Amino acid sequence: MPFFSSTEEVQKIMEALWNEIKANPEIAKPLLQSRLIVQFHYREPEGRLTIDCSDGENMIIVWGEYDKKPVVEMFMKADVAHEFWLGNVNVPVYLISGRIVAKGPVNKALALLPAVKPAFKIYPDIFEDTLNRPLISA
C-alpha cells in the first residue's frame, strides 16, 4: 500500500518538510552554501519539487514547474522519498539499483546527505501532523 494517496498529499508533506528545513539554520546553512538547485521528480503519485539555493542567501521551495534549470535532478517513487526521510534509504545502493535515478553532478548532492540527516527526526511528526494520520512504516 502506498504511503501517499494523491499528488496533493505528497505536495503537502514535502512543502511542510522543506519549510521546516528552511527555518532550521543547522540544516539550511550547508544547503545554501552548496548553491545548488535540486529538483525532485516523484511518481506514483506524480509531482515535482525544486529546492533552489543558488543565491546562497534564500532557499526557494517550488512545487510544480520552475523557470530555473536544476543542477541535479532526482527521480524516484514518492514512497522512496518517504522512506528516505524516515532514514531507511541507503542512497548509493538505491542509485546503483535504479530505485533512484539522478542526473547531474550527483556527488554534490550526495555530499549534502549529512546536512539533511537532522530532518529525519522531524519528518515523522510533519507526516502525522500534515496528513492527520499515524505514520505506519513499511
C-alpha atoms as a PDB file:
ATOM      1  CA  MET A   1       0.000   0.000   0.000  1.00  0.00           C
ATOM      2  CA  PRO A   2       1.465   3.390  -0.965  1.00  0.00           C
ATOM      3  CA  PHE A   3       2.093   5.998   1.720  1.00  0.00           C
ATOM      4  CA  PHE A   4       0.545   8.798  -0.343  1.00  0.00           C
ATOM      5  CA  SER A   5      -2.911   8.602  -1.857  1.00  0.00           C
ATOM      6  CA  SER A   6      -2.544  11.673  -4.074  1.00  0.00           C
ATOM      7  CA  THR A   7      -0.218  14.247  -5.546  1.00  0.00           C
ATOM      8  CA  GLU A   8      -1.742  16.760  -3.122  1.00  0.00           C
ATOM      9  CA  GLU A   9      -0.590  14.652  -0.161  1.00  0.00           C
ATOM     10  CA  VAL A  10       2.963  14.460  -1.486  1.00  0.00           C
ATOM     11  CA  GLN A  11       2.932  18.209  -2.058  1.00  0.00           C
ATOM     12  CA  LYS A  12       1.634  18.990   1.447  1.00  0.00           C
ATOM     13  CA  ILE A  13       4.215  16.779   3.127  1.00  0.00           C
ATOM     14  CA  MET A  14       7.220  17.831   1.068  1.00  0.00           C
ATOM     15  CA  GLU A  15       6.411  21.537   1.280  1.00  0.00           C
ATOM     16  CA  ALA A  16       5.889  21.287   5.049  1.00  0.00           C
ATOM     17  CA  LEU A  17       9.150  19.373   5.454  1.00  0.00           C
ATOM     18  CA  TRP A  18      11.207  21.749   3.311  1.00  0.00           C
ATOM     19  CA  ASN A  19       9.728  24.786   5.060  1.00  0.00           C
ATOM     20  CA  GLU A  20      10.905  23.300   8.373  1.00  0.00           C
ATOM     21  CA  ILE A  21      14.336  22.631   6.839  1.00  0.00           C
ATOM     22  CA  LYS A  22      14.465  26.222   5.559  1.00  0.00           C
ATOM     23  CA  ALA A  23      13.640  27.531   9.055  1.00  0.00           C
ATOM     24  CA  ASN A  24      16.348  25.412  10.703  1.00  0.00           C
ATOM     25  CA  PRO A  25      19.760  27.129  10.301  1.00  0.00           C
ATOM     26  CA  GLU A  26      21.634  23.915  11.189  1.00  0.00           C
ATOM     27  CA  ILE A  27      20.175  22.206   8.124  1.00  0.00           C
ATOM     28  CA  ALA A  28      19.616  25.183   5.822  1.00  0.00           C
ATOM     29  CA  LYS A  29      23.092  26.727   6.057  1.00  0.00           C
ATOM     30  CA  PRO A  30      25.053  23.936   4.318  1.00  0.00           C
ATOM     31  CA  LEU A  31      22.332  23.621   1.686  1.00  0.00           C
ATOM     32  CA  LEU A  32      22.504  27.343   0.957  1.00  0.00           C
ATOM     33  CA  GLN A  33      26.300  27.183   0.844  1.00  0.00           C
ATOM     34  CA  SER A  34      26.050  24.491  -1.835  1.00  0.00           C
ATOM     35  CA  ARG A  35      24.301  26.991  -4.156  1.00  0.00           C
ATOM     36  CA  LEU A  36      22.606  24.019  -5.845  1.00  0.00           C
ATOM     37  CA  ILE A  37      19.236  23.849  -7.495  1.00  0.00           C
ATOM     38  CA  VAL A  38      17.913  20.336  -6.908  1.00  0.00           C
ATOM     39  CA  GLN A  39      14.719  19.092  -8.496  1.00  0.00           C
ATOM     40  CA  PHE A  40      12.894  16.009  -7.244  1.00  0.00           C
ATOM     41  CA  HIS A  41      10.625  14.197  -9.702  1.00  0.00           C
ATOM     42  CA  TYR A  42       8.145  11.928  -7.953  1.00  0.00           C
ATOM     43  CA  ARG A  43       5.943   9.251  -9.445  1.00  0.00           C
ATOM     44  CA  GLU A  44       3.131   7.112  -8.032  1.00  0.00           C
ATOM     45  CA  PRO A  45       1.752   9.734  -7.382  1.00  0.00           C
ATOM     46  CA  GLU A  46       3.271  12.302  -9.706  1.00  0.00           C
ATOM     47  CA  GLY A  47       4.866  15.536  -8.564  1.00  0.00           C
ATOM     48  CA  ARG A  48       7.875  17.795  -8.870  1.00  0.00           C
ATOM     49  CA  LEU A  49       9.634  19.782  -6.169  1.00  0.00           C
ATOM     50  CA  THR A  50      12.506  22.199  -6.708  1.00  0.00           C
ATOM     51  CA  ILE A  51      14.816  23.444  -3.967  1.00  0.00           C
ATOM     52  CA  ASP A  52      16.749  26.488  -5.178  1.00  0.00           C
ATOM     53  CA  CYS A  53      19.716  27.557  -3.050  1.00  0.00           C
ATOM     54  CA  SER A  54      21.526  29.211  -5.954  1.00  0.00           C
ATOM     55  CA  ASP A  55      21.885  32.670  -4.436  1.00  0.00           C
ATOM     56  CA  GLY A  56      23.362  31.299  -1.193  1.00  0.00           C
ATOM     57  CA  GLU A  57      21.014  33.513   0.853  1.00  0.00           C
ATOM     58  CA  ASN A  58      17.463  32.298   0.438  1.00  0.00           C
ATOM     59  CA  MET A  59      16.071  28.815  -0.079  1.00  0.00           C
ATOM     60  CA  ILE A  60      13.272  28.848  -2.632  1.00  0.00           C
ATOM     61  CA  ILE A  61      10.832  25.922  -2.480  1.00  0.00           C
ATOM     62  CA  VAL A  62       8.646  25.435  -5.552  1.00  0.00           C
ATOM     63  CA  TRP A  63       6.118  22.707  -6.283  1.00  0.00           C
ATOM     64  CA  GLY A  64       5.466  22.105  -9.982  1.00  0.00           C
ATOM     65  CA  GLU A  65       7.055  23.990 -12.868  1.00  0.00           C
ATOM     66  CA  TYR A  66      10.111  26.157 -12.160  1.00  0.00           C
ATOM     67  CA  ASP A  67      11.851  28.504 -14.535  1.00  0.00           C
ATOM     68  CA  LYS A  68      15.465  27.877 -13.477  1.00  0.00           C
ATOM     69  CA  LYS A  69      17.384  24.852 -14.716  1.00  0.00           C
ATOM     70  CA  PRO A  70      18.247  22.402 -11.934  1.00  0.00           C
ATOM     71  CA  VAL A  71      21.855  21.398 -11.338  1.00  0.00           C
ATOM     72  CA  VAL A  72      20.833  17.976 -10.008  1.00  0.00           C
ATOM     73  CA  GLU A  73      17.640  16.064 -10.733  1.00  0.00           C
ATOM     74  CA  MET A  74      16.470  13.089  -8.708  1.00  0.00           C
ATOM     75  CA  PHE A  75      13.772  10.712  -9.987  1.00  0.00           C
ATOM     76  CA  MET A  76      12.000   8.288  -7.637  1.00  0.00           C
ATOM     77  CA  LYS A  77       8.694   6.914  -6.457  1.00  0.00           C
ATOM     78  CA  ALA A  78       7.082   9.060  -3.788  1.00  0.00           C
ATOM     79  CA  ASP A  79       7.319   6.060  -1.443  1.00  0.00           C
ATOM     80  CA  VAL A  80      11.115   6.059  -1.856  1.00  0.00           C
ATOM     81  CA  ALA A  81      11.187   9.716  -0.821  1.00  0.00           C
ATOM     82  CA  HIS A  82       9.048   8.850   2.207  1.00  0.00           C
ATOM     83  CA  GLU A  83      11.410   6.042   3.224  1.00  0.00           C
ATOM     84  CA  PHE A  84      14.398   8.353   2.665  1.00  0.00           C
ATOM     85  CA  TRP A  85      13.033  10.921   5.110  1.00  0.00           C
ATOM     86  CA  LEU A  86      12.445   8.146   7.637  1.00  0.00           C
ATOM     87  CA  GLY A  87      16.175   7.358   7.365  1.00  0.00           C
ATOM     88  CA  ASN A  88      15.577   3.959   5.766  1.00  0.00           C
ATOM     89  CA  VAL A  89      17.285   4.514   2.394  1.00  0.00           C
ATOM     90  CA  ASN A  90      20.919   3.892   1.555  1.00  0.00           C
ATOM     91  CA  VAL A  91      21.142   6.399  -1.290  1.00  0.00           C
ATOM     92  CA  PRO A  92      24.216   4.947  -3.063  1.00  0.00           C
ATOM     93  CA  VAL A  93      22.597   1.486  -3.075  1.00  0.00           C
ATOM     94  CA  TYR A  94      19.305   2.925  -4.373  1.00  0.00           C
ATOM     95  CA  LEU A  95      21.209   4.787  -7.100  1.00  0.00           C
ATOM     96  CA  ILE A  96      23.042   1.633  -8.170  1.00  0.00           C
ATOM     97  CA  SER A  97      19.817  -0.413  -8.147  1.00  0.00           C
ATOM     98  CA  GLY A  98      17.896   2.233 -10.115  1.00  0.00           C
ATOM     99  CA  ARG A  99      15.296   2.895  -7.415  1.00  0.00           C
ATOM    100  CA  ILE A 100      16.622   6.460  -7.510  1.00  0.00           C
ATOM    101  CA  VAL A 101      17.826   7.881 -10.819  1.00  0.00           C
ATOM    102  CA  ALA A 102      19.963  11.015 -10.753  1.00  0.00           C
ATOM    103  CA  LYS A 103      21.037  13.465 -13.433  1.00  0.00           C
ATOM    104  CA  GLY A 104      23.815  15.999 -12.968  1.00  0.00           C
ATOM    105  CA  PRO A 105      26.760  16.079 -10.561  1.00  0.00           C
ATOM    106  CA  VAL A 106      25.320  13.575  -8.101  1.00  0.00           C
ATOM    107  CA  ASN A 107      28.457  13.742  -5.943  1.00  0.00           C
ATOM    108  CA  LYS A 108      27.496  17.321  -4.991  1.00  0.00           C
ATOM    109  CA  ALA A 109      24.046  16.195  -3.884  1.00  0.00           C
ATOM    110  CA  LEU A 110      25.446  13.183  -2.003  1.00  0.00           C
ATOM    111  CA  ALA A 111      27.809  15.484  -0.128  1.00  0.00           C
ATOM    112  CA  LEU A 112      24.734  17.156   1.384  1.00  0.00           C
ATOM    113  CA  LEU A 113      23.304  13.956   2.893  1.00  0.00           C
ATOM    114  CA  PRO A 114      24.906  14.589   6.318  1.00  0.00           C
ATOM    115  CA  ALA A 115      23.382  18.084   6.341  1.00  0.00           C
ATOM    116  CA  VAL A 116      19.814  16.792   5.868  1.00  0.00           C
ATOM    117  CA  LYS A 117      20.078  13.941   8.387  1.00  0.00           C
ATOM    118  CA  PRO A 118      18.650  16.080  11.241  1.00  0.00           C
ATOM    119  CA  ALA A 119      15.439  16.318   9.191  1.00  0.00           C
ATOM    120  CA  PHE A 120      14.960  12.566   9.653  1.00  0.00           C
ATOM    121  CA  LYS A 121      13.928  13.342  13.244  1.00  0.00           C
ATOM    122  CA  ILE A 122      11.295  15.906  12.266  1.00  0.00           C
ATOM    123  CA  TYR A 123       9.766  14.094   9.279  1.00  0.00           C
ATOM    124  CA  PRO A 124       7.534  11.637  11.209  1.00  0.00           C
ATOM    125  CA  ASP A 125       5.832  14.482  13.108  1.00  0.00           C
ATOM    126  CA  ILE A 126       5.396  16.504   9.914  1.00  0.00           C
ATOM    127  CA  PHE A 127       3.852  13.472   8.193  1.00  0.00           C
ATOM    128  CA  GLU A 128       1.414  12.830  11.042  1.00  0.00           C
ATOM    129  CA  ASP A 129       0.553  16.488  11.670  1.00  0.00           C
ATOM    130  CA  THR A 130       0.102  17.365   7.993  1.00  0.00           C
ATOM    131  CA  LEU A 131      -1.981  14.356   6.979  1.00  0.00           C
ATOM    132  CA  ASN A 132      -3.686  13.916  10.370  1.00  0.00           C
ATOM    133  CA  ARG A 133      -2.988  10.197  10.397  1.00  0.00           C
ATOM    134  CA  PRO A 134      -0.461   7.996  12.186  1.00  0.00           C
ATOM    135  CA  LEU A 135       2.761   7.122  10.452  1.00  0.00           C
ATOM    136  CA  ILE A 136       2.852   3.404   9.786  1.00  0.00           C
ATOM    137  CA  SER A 137       6.225   2.379   8.411  1.00  0.00           C
ATOM    138  CA  ALA A 138       6.703  -0.491   5.981  1.00  0.00           C
END
